[in-house]
Amino acid sequence: MARNAYKQQELSEEQQVELQETVEEKADATRTFFQSLFASNRFSSSVFVGYIPFIAFVGLLAIIYIANRHYAERTVREIDRLGKEVKEMNWDYKSLSADLMKLTTQTEIAKRVDSMGLKERTEPPKKIRVVKPKK
């Protein structure tokens, strides 16, 4: 594996001074940036009044976002409730359908009409033929 020969070489005094100056320049630039960012003239009342429409707009967007979230959650809960209701009605339908199929069988009908005095036929039906006289 090759070794990095550049790191092993020591920097000359000129290079060290040059690096030191660039580091100090960058530190000064950073310091002035933060000083200008938190300067008292940025937070004066006249500047703040200029930002009121933007702050109101962001507040309105936040309220709309929260309302939309509540509406979505309410809709999801409603969908879940309706899904459970559909399943329950489907079970009721299947149960009632099975009961109806059982009650409409021939033996069940015969048992129910027996109390009325009606009896099930044991012989097949007879055909009645009407003979028209010839003229």
C-alpha atoms as a PDB file:
ATOM      1  CA  MET A   1       0.000   0.000   0.000  1.00  0.00           C
ATOM      2  CA  ALA A   2       1.367   3.407  -0.954  1.00  0.00           C
ATOM      3  CA  ARG A   3       1.932   5.936   1.791  1.00  0.00           C
ATOM      4  CA  ASN A   4       0.901   9.549   1.562  1.00  0.00           C
ATOM      5  CA  ALA A   5       4.156  11.415   1.156  1.00  0.00           C
ATOM      6  CA  TYR A   6       2.501  14.869   1.179  1.00  0.00           C
ATOM      7  CA  LYS A   7       1.340  14.552   4.795  1.00  0.00           C
ATOM      8  CA  GLN A   8       4.771  13.540   5.983  1.00  0.00           C
ATOM      9  CA  GLN A   9       6.383  16.689   4.595  1.00  0.00           C
ATOM     10  CA  GLU A  10       6.413  19.602   6.980  1.00  0.00           C
ATOM     11  CA  LEU A  11       5.045  22.941   5.836  1.00  0.00           C
ATOM     12  CA  SER A  12       7.373  25.838   5.368  1.00  0.00           C
ATOM     13  CA  GLU A  13       6.981  28.959   7.493  1.00  0.00           C
ATOM     14  CA  GLU A  14       5.522  30.880   4.572  1.00  0.00           C
ATOM     15  CA  GLN A  15       2.879  28.209   4.028  1.00  0.00           C
ATOM     16  CA  GLN A  16       2.068  28.107   7.731  1.00  0.00           C
ATOM     17  CA  VAL A  17       1.667  31.896   7.861  1.00  0.00           C
ATOM     18  CA  GLU A  18      -0.497  31.822   4.734  1.00  0.00           C
ATOM     19  CA  LEU A  19      -2.746  29.109   6.208  1.00  0.00           C
ATOM     20  CA  GLN A  20      -2.966  30.996   9.494  1.00  0.00           C
ATOM     21  CA  GLU A  21      -4.064  34.176   7.673  1.00  0.00           C
ATOM     22  CA  THR A  22      -6.804  32.375   5.698  1.00  0.00           C
ATOM     23  CA  VAL A  23      -8.107  30.774   8.889  1.00  0.00           C
ATOM     24  CA  GLU A  24      -8.216  34.155  10.632  1.00  0.00           C
ATOM     25  CA  GLU A  25     -10.011  35.725   7.639  1.00  0.00           C
ATOM     26  CA  LYS A  26     -12.643  32.989   7.693  1.00  0.00           C
ATOM     27  CA  ALA A  27     -13.080  33.370  11.463  1.00  0.00           C
ATOM     28  CA  ASP A  28     -13.535  37.131  11.056  1.00  0.00           C
ATOM     29  CA  ALA A  29     -16.059  36.607   8.260  1.00  0.00           C
ATOM     30  CA  THR A  30     -18.003  34.182  10.455  1.00  0.00           C
ATOM     31  CA  ARG A  31     -17.898  36.570  13.401  1.00  0.00           C
ATOM     32  CA  THR A  32     -19.172  39.483  11.293  1.00  0.00           C
ATOM     33  CA  PHE A  33     -21.929  37.292   9.821  1.00  0.00           C
ATOM     34  CA  PHE A  34     -23.278  36.367  13.258  1.00  0.00           C
ATOM     35  CA  GLN A  35     -22.918  39.947  14.474  1.00  0.00           C
ATOM     36  CA  SER A  36     -24.930  41.213  11.520  1.00  0.00           C
ATOM     37  CA  LEU A  37     -27.468  38.424  11.951  1.00  0.00           C
ATOM     38  CA  PHE A  38     -28.174  39.295  15.579  1.00  0.00           C
ATOM     39  CA  ALA A  39     -27.704  43.047  15.291  1.00  0.00           C
ATOM     40  CA  SER A  40     -30.243  45.191  17.117  1.00  0.00           C
ATOM     41  CA  ASN A  41     -31.288  47.032  13.957  1.00  0.00           C
ATOM     42  CA  ARG A  42     -32.644  43.755  12.465  1.00  0.00           C
ATOM     43  CA  PHE A  43     -35.073  43.385  15.366  1.00  0.00           C
ATOM     44  CA  SER A  44     -36.381  46.925  15.539  1.00  0.00           C
ATOM     45  CA  SER A  45     -40.134  47.528  15.597  1.00  0.00           C
ATOM     46  CA  SER A  46     -40.218  49.078  12.130  1.00  0.00           C
ATOM     47  CA  VAL A  47     -38.601  46.003  10.579  1.00  0.00           C
ATOM     48  CA  PHE A  48     -40.906  43.723  12.555  1.00  0.00           C
ATOM     49  CA  VAL A  49     -43.981  45.566  11.288  1.00  0.00           C
ATOM     50  CA  GLY A  50     -42.815  44.885   7.737  1.00  0.00           C
ATOM     51  CA  TYR A  51     -42.784  41.130   8.445  1.00  0.00           C
ATOM     52  CA  ILE A  52     -46.340  41.011   9.860  1.00  0.00           C
ATOM     53  CA  PRO A  53     -48.013  39.986   6.542  1.00  0.00           C
ATOM     54  CA  PHE A  54     -45.533  37.156   6.073  1.00  0.00           C
ATOM     55  CA  ILE A  55     -45.989  35.992   9.682  1.00  0.00           C
ATOM     56  CA  ALA A  56     -49.782  36.111   9.261  1.00  0.00           C
ATOM     57  CA  PHE A  57     -49.520  34.102   6.032  1.00  0.00           C
ATOM     58  CA  VAL A  58     -47.359  31.447   7.692  1.00  0.00           C
ATOM     59  CA  GLY A  59     -49.835  31.323  10.615  1.00  0.00           C
ATOM     60  CA  LEU A  60     -52.733  30.871   8.203  1.00  0.00           C
ATOM     61  CA  LEU A  61     -50.895  28.046   6.453  1.00  0.00           C
ATOM     62  CA  ALA A  62     -50.269  26.374   9.822  1.00  0.00           C
ATOM     63  CA  ILE A  63     -53.957  26.617  10.738  1.00  0.00           C
ATOM     64  CA  ILE A  64     -54.981  25.185   7.356  1.00  0.00           C
ATOM     65  CA  TYR A  65     -52.468  22.349   7.760  1.00  0.00           C
ATOM     66  CA  ILE A  66     -53.801  21.471  11.224  1.00  0.00           C
ATOM     67  CA  ALA A  67     -57.417  21.619  10.034  1.00  0.00           C
ATOM     68  CA  ASN A  68     -56.612  19.394   7.061  1.00  0.00           C
ATOM     69  CA  ARG A  69     -54.961  16.864   9.358  1.00  0.00           C
ATOM     70  CA  HIS A  70     -58.025  16.767  11.639  1.00  0.00           C
ATOM     71  CA  TYR A  71     -60.333  16.367   8.638  1.00  0.00           C
ATOM     72  CA  ALA A  72     -58.230  13.490   7.280  1.00  0.00           C
ATOM     73  CA  GLU A  73     -58.221  11.689  10.635  1.00  0.00           C
ATOM     74  CA  ARG A  74     -61.991  12.129  10.988  1.00  0.00           C
ATOM     75  CA  THR A  75     -62.483  10.748   7.467  1.00  0.00           C
ATOM     76  CA  VAL A  76     -60.296   7.721   8.203  1.00  0.00           C
ATOM     77  CA  ARG A  77     -62.274   7.010  11.389  1.00  0.00           C
ATOM     78  CA  GLU A  78     -65.548   7.316   9.459  1.00  0.00           C
ATOM     79  CA  ILE A  79     -64.307   4.913   6.767  1.00  0.00           C
ATOM     80  CA  ASP A  80     -63.251   2.421   9.446  1.00  0.00           C
ATOM     81  CA  ARG A  81     -66.639   2.682  11.202  1.00  0.00           C
ATOM     82  CA  LEU A  82     -68.533   2.198   7.921  1.00  0.00           C
ATOM     83  CA  GLY A  83     -66.351  -0.791   7.032  1.00  0.00           C
ATOM     84  CA  LYS A  84     -67.204  -2.460  10.345  1.00  0.00           C
ATOM     85  CA  GLU A  85     -70.887  -1.678   9.810  1.00  0.00           C
ATOM     86  CA  VAL A  86     -70.789  -3.239   6.323  1.00  0.00           C
ATOM     87  CA  LYS A  87     -69.173  -6.399   7.717  1.00  0.00           C
ATOM     88  CA  GLU A  88     -71.814  -6.637  10.446  1.00  0.00           C
ATOM     89  CA  MET A  89     -74.639  -6.173   7.926  1.00  0.00           C
ATOM     90  CA  ASN A  90     -73.075  -8.804   5.674  1.00  0.00           C
ATOM     91  CA  TRP A  91     -73.066 -11.271   8.588  1.00  0.00           C
ATOM     92  CA  ASP A  92     -76.704 -10.421   9.357  1.00  0.00           C
ATOM     93  CA  TYR A  93     -77.635 -10.932   5.698  1.00  0.00           C
ATOM     94  CA  LYS A  94     -75.956 -14.335   5.576  1.00  0.00           C
ATOM     95  CA  SER A  95     -77.603 -15.378   8.841  1.00  0.00           C
ATOM     96  CA  LEU A  96     -81.079 -14.261   7.732  1.00  0.00           C
ATOM     97  CA  SER A  97     -80.599 -15.850   4.308  1.00  0.00           C
ATOM     98  CA  ALA A  98     -79.688 -19.179   5.914  1.00  0.00           C
ATOM     99  CA  ASP A  99     -82.726 -18.974   8.226  1.00  0.00           C
ATOM    100  CA  LEU A 100     -85.028 -18.210   5.285  1.00  0.00           C
ATOM    101  CA  MET A 101     -83.629 -21.127   3.284  1.00  0.00           C
ATOM    102  CA  LYS A 102     -84.275 -23.422   6.238  1.00  0.00           C
ATOM    103  CA  LEU A 103     -87.814 -22.124   6.797  1.00  0.00           C
ATOM    104  CA  THR A 104     -88.790 -22.529   3.128  1.00  0.00           C
ATOM    105  CA  THR A 105     -87.897 -26.201   2.888  1.00  0.00           C
ATOM    106  CA  GLN A 106     -90.825 -28.546   2.237  1.00  0.00           C
ATOM    107  CA  THR A 107     -90.641 -30.264   5.616  1.00  0.00           C
ATOM    108  CA  GLU A 108     -90.618 -26.967   7.553  1.00  0.00           C
ATOM    109  CA  ILE A 109     -93.621 -25.660   5.604  1.00  0.00           C
ATOM    110  CA  ALA A 110     -95.457 -28.934   6.247  1.00  0.00           C
ATOM    111  CA  LYS A 111     -94.828 -28.621   9.996  1.00  0.00           C
ATOM    112  CA  ARG A 112     -96.096 -25.037  10.078  1.00  0.00           C
ATOM    113  CA  VAL A 113     -99.303 -25.643   8.119  1.00  0.00           C
ATOM    114  CA  ASP A 114    -100.113 -28.833  10.048  1.00  0.00           C
ATOM    115  CA  SER A 115    -101.369 -26.670  12.929  1.00  0.00           C
ATOM    116  CA  MET A 116    -103.863 -25.068  10.501  1.00  0.00           C
ATOM    117  CA  GLY A 117    -105.275 -28.437   9.571  1.00  0.00           C
ATOM    118  CA  LEU A 118    -103.636 -28.668   6.170  1.00  0.00           C
ATOM    119  CA  LYS A 119    -101.877 -31.876   5.221  1.00  0.00           C
ATOM    120  CA  GLU A 120     -99.230 -32.670   2.671  1.00  0.00           C
ATOM    121  CA  ARG A 121    -100.352 -34.535  -0.417  1.00  0.00           C
ATOM    122  CA  THR A 122     -99.178 -38.071  -0.704  1.00  0.00           C
ATOM    123  CA  GLU A 123    -100.582 -38.815  -4.149  1.00  0.00           C
ATOM    124  CA  PRO A 124     -99.615 -37.031  -7.336  1.00  0.00           C
ATOM    125  CA  PRO A 125    -101.925 -34.406  -8.788  1.00  0.00           C
ATOM    126  CA  LYS A 126    -104.554 -35.376 -11.347  1.00  0.00           C
ATOM    127  CA  LYS A 127    -105.134 -33.682 -14.659  1.00  0.00           C
ATOM    128  CA  ILE A 128    -108.550 -32.375 -15.390  1.00  0.00           C
ATOM    129  CA  ARG A 129    -109.532 -32.445 -19.002  1.00  0.00           C
ATOM    130  CA  VAL A 130    -112.387 -30.473 -20.340  1.00  0.00           C
ATOM    131  CA  VAL A 131    -114.051 -32.114 -23.291  1.00  0.00           C
ATOM    132  CA  LYS A 132    -115.709 -29.714 -25.623  1.00  0.00           C
ATOM    133  CA  PRO A 133    -118.773 -31.102 -27.379  1.00  0.00           C
ATOM    134  CA  LYS A 134    -118.570 -31.192 -31.131  1.00  0.00           C
ATOM    135  CA  LYS A 135    -121.132 -29.280 -33.006  1.00  0.00           C
END
